[in-house]
Amino acid sequence: MDKTYLKLYRPTMFYFMQNYGLKQQDIEVLMFSYDLLWFTKGYLKEHFHLGNKYLVHKFPDLIKKNYINIYQPRAHNRAEKYTISQRGKLLVSRYYRVLEREEYLPGCDL
């Protein structure tokens, strides 16, 4: 099978944005953190190049929508640690299944 992920990336992204009520950056943060046991906002800022505006205003929405869970609360000088929730993992794994053509989206004929 051809590995033509980019042909499916955008239609899949728009489908997920519309059906899950997330922004592109939200989905990409979930995809980036999918295989991490835990992460901090500082880690996302440094390795995923997220800005403070997103981390302060948008990232808490992922927690409220239950896509990200708090792994370890902030204590003393230690930053709060986060992990992707089961709901977030299911979303990302479905996204990958669509890219691998193991699952098809309604209305997408690629």
C-alpha atoms as a PDB file:
ATOM      1  CA  MET A   1       0.000   0.000   0.000  1.00  0.00           C
ATOM      2  CA  ASP A   2       1.234   3.467  -0.840  1.00  0.00           C
ATOM      3  CA  LYS A   3       2.086   5.713   2.076  1.00  0.00           C
ATOM      4  CA  THR A   4       0.221   8.799   0.866  1.00  0.00           C
ATOM      5  CA  TYR A   5      -0.655  10.252   4.252  1.00  0.00           C
ATOM      6  CA  LEU A   6      -0.635  13.873   3.123  1.00  0.00           C
ATOM      7  CA  LYS A   7      -3.518  13.262   0.714  1.00  0.00           C
ATOM      8  CA  LEU A   8      -5.638  12.200   3.654  1.00  0.00           C
ATOM      9  CA  TYR A   9      -4.164  14.525   6.283  1.00  0.00           C
ATOM     10  CA  ARG A  10      -6.151  17.665   5.473  1.00  0.00           C
ATOM     11  CA  PRO A  11      -9.566  16.075   4.792  1.00  0.00           C
ATOM     12  CA  THR A  12      -9.156  14.016   7.958  1.00  0.00           C
ATOM     13  CA  MET A  13      -8.100  17.076   9.937  1.00  0.00           C
ATOM     14  CA  PHE A  14     -11.151  19.053   8.792  1.00  0.00           C
ATOM     15  CA  TYR A  15     -13.448  16.119   9.573  1.00  0.00           C
ATOM     16  CA  PHE A  16     -12.026  15.798  13.099  1.00  0.00           C
ATOM     17  CA  MET A  17     -12.158  19.557  13.679  1.00  0.00           C
ATOM     18  CA  GLN A  18     -15.838  19.666  12.708  1.00  0.00           C
ATOM     19  CA  ASN A  19     -16.920  16.515  14.509  1.00  0.00           C
ATOM     20  CA  TYR A  20     -14.900  16.811  17.708  1.00  0.00           C
ATOM     21  CA  GLY A  21     -15.068  20.589  18.172  1.00  0.00           C
ATOM     22  CA  LEU A  22     -11.292  20.990  18.285  1.00  0.00           C
ATOM     23  CA  LYS A  23      -8.859  23.286  16.501  1.00  0.00           C
ATOM     24  CA  GLN A  24      -6.045  21.979  14.318  1.00  0.00           C
ATOM     25  CA  GLN A  25      -3.452  22.891  16.917  1.00  0.00           C
ATOM     26  CA  ASP A  26      -5.391  20.985  19.600  1.00  0.00           C
ATOM     27  CA  ILE A  27      -5.382  17.805  17.515  1.00  0.00           C
ATOM     28  CA  GLU A  28      -1.696  18.214  16.698  1.00  0.00           C
ATOM     29  CA  VAL A  29      -0.868  18.630  20.413  1.00  0.00           C
ATOM     30  CA  LEU A  30      -2.727  15.378  21.113  1.00  0.00           C
ATOM     31  CA  MET A  31      -0.860  13.643  18.291  1.00  0.00           C
ATOM     32  CA  PHE A  32       2.483  14.933  19.583  1.00  0.00           C
ATOM     33  CA  SER A  33       1.831  13.837  23.158  1.00  0.00           C
ATOM     34  CA  TYR A  34       0.215  10.493  22.218  1.00  0.00           C
ATOM     35  CA  ASP A  35       3.227   8.313  23.057  1.00  0.00           C
ATOM     36  CA  LEU A  36       4.476  10.274  26.082  1.00  0.00           C
ATOM     37  CA  LEU A  37       3.883   8.891  29.575  1.00  0.00           C
ATOM     38  CA  TRP A  38       3.687  12.462  30.884  1.00  0.00           C
ATOM     39  CA  PHE A  39       4.706  15.973  29.824  1.00  0.00           C
ATOM     40  CA  THR A  40       4.775  19.528  31.109  1.00  0.00           C
ATOM     41  CA  LYS A  41       3.752  22.774  29.465  1.00  0.00           C
ATOM     42  CA  GLY A  42       7.443  23.650  29.325  1.00  0.00           C
ATOM     43  CA  TYR A  43       8.156  20.459  27.388  1.00  0.00           C
ATOM     44  CA  LEU A  44       5.422  21.312  24.863  1.00  0.00           C
ATOM     45  CA  LYS A  45       6.739  24.859  24.578  1.00  0.00           C
ATOM     46  CA  GLU A  46      10.299  23.705  23.930  1.00  0.00           C
ATOM     47  CA  HIS A  47       9.769  20.613  21.782  1.00  0.00           C
ATOM     48  CA  PHE A  48       6.478  21.375  20.010  1.00  0.00           C
ATOM     49  CA  HIS A  49       7.108  25.138  19.819  1.00  0.00           C
ATOM     50  CA  LEU A  50       3.850  26.204  21.441  1.00  0.00           C
ATOM     51  CA  GLY A  51       3.457  29.812  22.471  1.00  0.00           C
ATOM     52  CA  ASN A  52       2.414  31.092  25.873  1.00  0.00           C
ATOM     53  CA  LYS A  53      -0.899  32.289  24.465  1.00  0.00           C
ATOM     54  CA  TYR A  54      -1.925  28.744  23.548  1.00  0.00           C
ATOM     55  CA  LEU A  55      -0.644  27.264  26.803  1.00  0.00           C
ATOM     56  CA  VAL A  56      -2.500  29.818  28.924  1.00  0.00           C
ATOM     57  CA  HIS A  57      -5.761  30.173  26.990  1.00  0.00           C
ATOM     58  CA  LYS A  58      -6.294  27.055  24.860  1.00  0.00           C
ATOM     59  CA  PHE A  59      -4.531  24.199  26.673  1.00  0.00           C
ATOM     60  CA  PRO A  60      -6.919  24.345  29.675  1.00  0.00           C
ATOM     61  CA  ASP A  61      -9.785  23.665  27.238  1.00  0.00           C
ATOM     62  CA  LEU A  62      -8.233  20.287  26.400  1.00  0.00           C
ATOM     63  CA  ILE A  63      -8.325  19.483  30.111  1.00  0.00           C
ATOM     64  CA  LYS A  64     -11.945  20.669  30.452  1.00  0.00           C
ATOM     65  CA  LYS A  65     -12.956  18.587  27.414  1.00  0.00           C
ATOM     66  CA  ASN A  66     -11.201  15.575  28.979  1.00  0.00           C
ATOM     67  CA  TYR A  67      -8.597  15.085  26.232  1.00  0.00           C
ATOM     68  CA  ILE A  68      -5.736  15.784  28.676  1.00  0.00           C
ATOM     69  CA  ASN A  69      -5.543  14.703  32.311  1.00  0.00           C
ATOM     70  CA  ILE A  70      -3.391  16.006  35.139  1.00  0.00           C
ATOM     71  CA  TYR A  71      -0.836  13.285  35.809  1.00  0.00           C
ATOM     72  CA  GLN A  72       0.815  14.899  38.816  1.00  0.00           C
ATOM     73  CA  PRO A  73      -0.262  18.189  40.423  1.00  0.00           C
ATOM     74  CA  ARG A  74       2.155  21.038  40.885  1.00  0.00           C
ATOM     75  CA  ALA A  75       4.075  20.837  44.138  1.00  0.00           C
ATOM     76  CA  HIS A  76       6.848  23.002  45.577  1.00  0.00           C
ATOM     77  CA  ASN A  77       9.140  23.874  42.628  1.00  0.00           C
ATOM     78  CA  ARG A  78       7.920  21.040  40.402  1.00  0.00           C
ATOM     79  CA  ALA A  79       5.794  21.842  37.352  1.00  0.00           C
ATOM     80  CA  GLU A  80       2.406  20.222  36.884  1.00  0.00           C
ATOM     81  CA  LYS A  81       2.597  17.084  34.747  1.00  0.00           C
ATOM     82  CA  TYR A  82      -0.031  16.055  32.209  1.00  0.00           C
ATOM     83  CA  THR A  83      -0.923  12.942  30.262  1.00  0.00           C
ATOM     84  CA  ILE A  84      -3.205  12.299  27.329  1.00  0.00           C
ATOM     85  CA  SER A  85      -6.518  10.819  28.495  1.00  0.00           C
ATOM     86  CA  GLN A  86      -8.220   7.692  27.180  1.00  0.00           C
ATOM     87  CA  ARG A  87     -10.537   9.940  25.172  1.00  0.00           C
ATOM     88  CA  GLY A  88      -7.537  11.699  23.610  1.00  0.00           C
ATOM     89  CA  LYS A  89      -5.829   8.393  22.824  1.00  0.00           C
ATOM     90  CA  LEU A  90      -8.962   7.085  21.117  1.00  0.00           C
ATOM     91  CA  LEU A  91      -9.163  10.227  18.980  1.00  0.00           C
ATOM     92  CA  VAL A  92      -5.514   9.990  17.901  1.00  0.00           C
ATOM     93  CA  SER A  93      -5.658   6.253  17.221  1.00  0.00           C
ATOM     94  CA  ARG A  94      -8.765   6.781  15.065  1.00  0.00           C
ATOM     95  CA  TYR A  95      -6.954   9.555  13.180  1.00  0.00           C
ATOM     96  CA  TYR A  96      -4.051   7.185  12.479  1.00  0.00           C
ATOM     97  CA  ARG A  97      -6.444   4.422  11.355  1.00  0.00           C
ATOM     98  CA  VAL A  98      -7.932   6.806   8.818  1.00  0.00           C
ATOM     99  CA  LEU A  99      -4.459   7.766   7.541  1.00  0.00           C
ATOM    100  CA  GLU A 100      -3.563   4.064   7.243  1.00  0.00           C
ATOM    101  CA  ARG A 101      -6.851   3.481   5.366  1.00  0.00           C
ATOM    102  CA  GLU A 102      -7.997   0.994   7.976  1.00  0.00           C
ATOM    103  CA  GLU A 103     -11.051   3.165   8.593  1.00  0.00           C
ATOM    104  CA  TYR A 104     -12.947   5.404   6.220  1.00  0.00           C
ATOM    105  CA  LEU A 105     -14.682   8.665   6.994  1.00  0.00           C
ATOM    106  CA  PRO A 106     -18.218   9.312   5.795  1.00  0.00           C
ATOM    107  CA  GLY A 107     -18.218  11.618   2.784  1.00  0.00           C
ATOM    108  CA  CYS A 108     -14.477  11.252   2.119  1.00  0.00           C
ATOM    109  CA  ASP A 109     -13.835   9.372  -1.114  1.00  0.00           C
ATOM    110  CA  LEU A 110     -10.023   9.465  -1.124  1.00  0.00           C
END
